């Protein structure tokens, strides 16, 4: 696991893009739970940094595809899955596992 950010950098329902090993990862704070997902919609590659977060889902700003923050599934289009990464919060540090 690698340190991605400080917990204070992501307010509730906020997002932050970090680059780890050359890969863009979007960190999302949803009611105090931190999630890490790829910063690119699997549909057409739109950045998710402008996405809406609501009820445990992130919605692509381009076509509105909704992905679960926990497992990346898209209930409307089962063939599309957003890559998610394990997250651990230690003190104020957010750690993620890209492997």
Protein backbone atom coordinates (compact mmCIF):
# COMPACT_ATOMS: atom_id res chain seq x y z
CA UNK A 1 0.00 0.00 0.00
CA UNK A 2 1.16 3.51 -0.80
CA UNK A 3 0.22 6.84 0.72
CA UNK A 4 -2.10 8.69 -1.64
CA UNK A 5 -3.27 11.74 0.34
CA UNK A 6 -4.17 13.16 3.71
CA UNK A 7 -7.73 12.63 4.94
CA UNK A 8 -8.12 16.41 5.47
CA UNK A 9 -7.63 17.02 1.73
CA UNK A 10 -10.97 15.42 0.80
CA UNK A 11 -14.11 16.93 2.36
CA UNK A 12 -17.37 14.96 2.63
CA UNK A 13 -18.62 14.15 -0.90
CA UNK A 14 -15.37 15.64 -2.19
CA UNK A 15 -12.95 14.17 -4.71
CA UNK A 16 -9.23 14.41 -5.33
CA UNK A 17 -7.18 13.12 -8.25
CA UNK A 18 -3.78 11.70 -7.35
CA UNK A 19 -1.14 10.19 -9.59
CA UNK A 20 0.53 7.06 -8.31
CA UNK A 21 3.07 5.19 -10.42
CA UNK A 22 1.90 7.17 -13.45
CA UNK A 23 -1.74 6.19 -12.94
CA UNK A 24 -4.57 8.66 -12.22
CA UNK A 25 -6.65 7.57 -9.23
CA UNK A 26 -9.72 9.38 -7.98
CA UNK A 27 -10.18 9.45 -4.21
CA UNK A 28 -13.76 9.98 -3.05
CA UNK A 29 -15.07 10.77 0.43
CA UNK A 30 -18.64 9.50 0.76
CA UNK A 31 -20.00 10.16 4.26
CA UNK A 32 -16.61 9.61 5.84
CA UNK A 33 -15.75 6.46 3.88
CA UNK A 34 -12.86 6.81 1.45
CA UNK A 35 -12.94 5.06 -1.92
CA UNK A 36 -10.35 4.86 -4.68
CA UNK A 37 -11.33 4.35 -8.33
CA UNK A 38 -9.77 4.86 -11.72
CA UNK A 39 -10.29 8.43 -12.95
CA UNK A 40 -11.67 7.35 -16.31
CA UNK A 41 -15.15 6.12 -17.19
CA UNK A 42 -14.92 2.67 -18.80
CA UNK A 43 -17.59 3.69 -21.32
CA UNK A 44 -15.76 6.39 -23.29
CA UNK A 45 -12.88 7.49 -21.08
CA UNK A 46 -14.41 10.65 -19.65
CA UNK A 47 -12.61 11.90 -16.51
CA UNK A 48 -14.62 11.19 -13.37
CA UNK A 49 -13.16 14.10 -11.42
CA UNK A 50 -16.27 16.12 -12.46
CA UNK A 51 -18.65 13.26 -11.59
CA UNK A 52 -21.51 13.45 -9.10
CA UNK A 53 -21.28 11.31 -5.95
CA UNK A 54 -24.53 10.20 -4.34
CA UNK A 55 -25.76 7.22 -2.30
CA UNK A 56 -22.55 5.20 -2.73
CA UNK A 57 -22.40 5.72 -6.50
CA UNK A 58 -20.38 7.92 -8.82
CA UNK A 59 -22.08 9.14 -12.02
CA UNK A 60 -20.11 9.90 -15.16
CA UNK A 61 -20.62 13.54 -16.18
CA UNK A 62 -20.79 12.67 -19.89
CA UNK A 63 -23.58 10.06 -20.13
CA UNK A 64 -24.68 9.57 -16.52
CA UNK A 65 -23.52 5.96 -16.15
CA UNK A 66 -23.60 5.13 -12.42
CA UNK A 67 -20.89 3.00 -10.86
CA UNK A 68 -20.81 1.53 -7.35
CA UNK A 69 -17.94 2.97 -5.33
CA UNK A 70 -17.47 -0.35 -3.52
CA UNK A 71 -17.12 -2.75 -6.45
CA UNK A 72 -17.25 -0.61 -9.62
CA UNK A 73 -20.34 -2.32 -11.05
CA UNK A 74 -22.69 -0.47 -13.36
CA UNK A 75 -26.23 -1.81 -12.88
CA UNK A 76 -27.51 -0.15 -16.08
CA UNK A 77 -24.72 -1.60 -18.22
CA UNK A 78 -23.38 -4.84 -16.63
CA UNK A 79 -20.60 -5.08 -19.23
CA UNK A 80 -18.92 -1.96 -17.82
CA UNK A 81 -16.97 -2.05 -14.58
CA UNK A 82 -15.04 0.78 -13.02
CA UNK A 83 -11.70 -0.28 -11.54
CA UNK A 84 -11.68 0.10 -7.75
CA UNK A 85 -8.74 -0.17 -5.37
CA UNK A 86 -8.47 -1.25 -1.72
CA UNK A 87 -8.18 1.70 0.69
CA UNK A 88 -6.91 1.89 4.24
CA UNK A 89 -6.91 4.96 6.46
CA UNK A 90 -4.11 5.07 9.04
CA UNK A 91 -4.34 8.14 11.24
CA UNK A 92 -4.63 10.99 8.74
CA UNK A 93 -3.08 9.10 5.81
CA UNK A 94 -5.05 7.48 2.99
CA UNK A 95 -3.26 4.42 1.63
CA UNK A 96 -4.26 2.52 -1.49
CA UNK A 97 -3.20 -0.72 -3.11
CA UNK A 98 -2.84 -0.59 -6.90
CA UNK A 99 -1.75 -4.22 -7.31
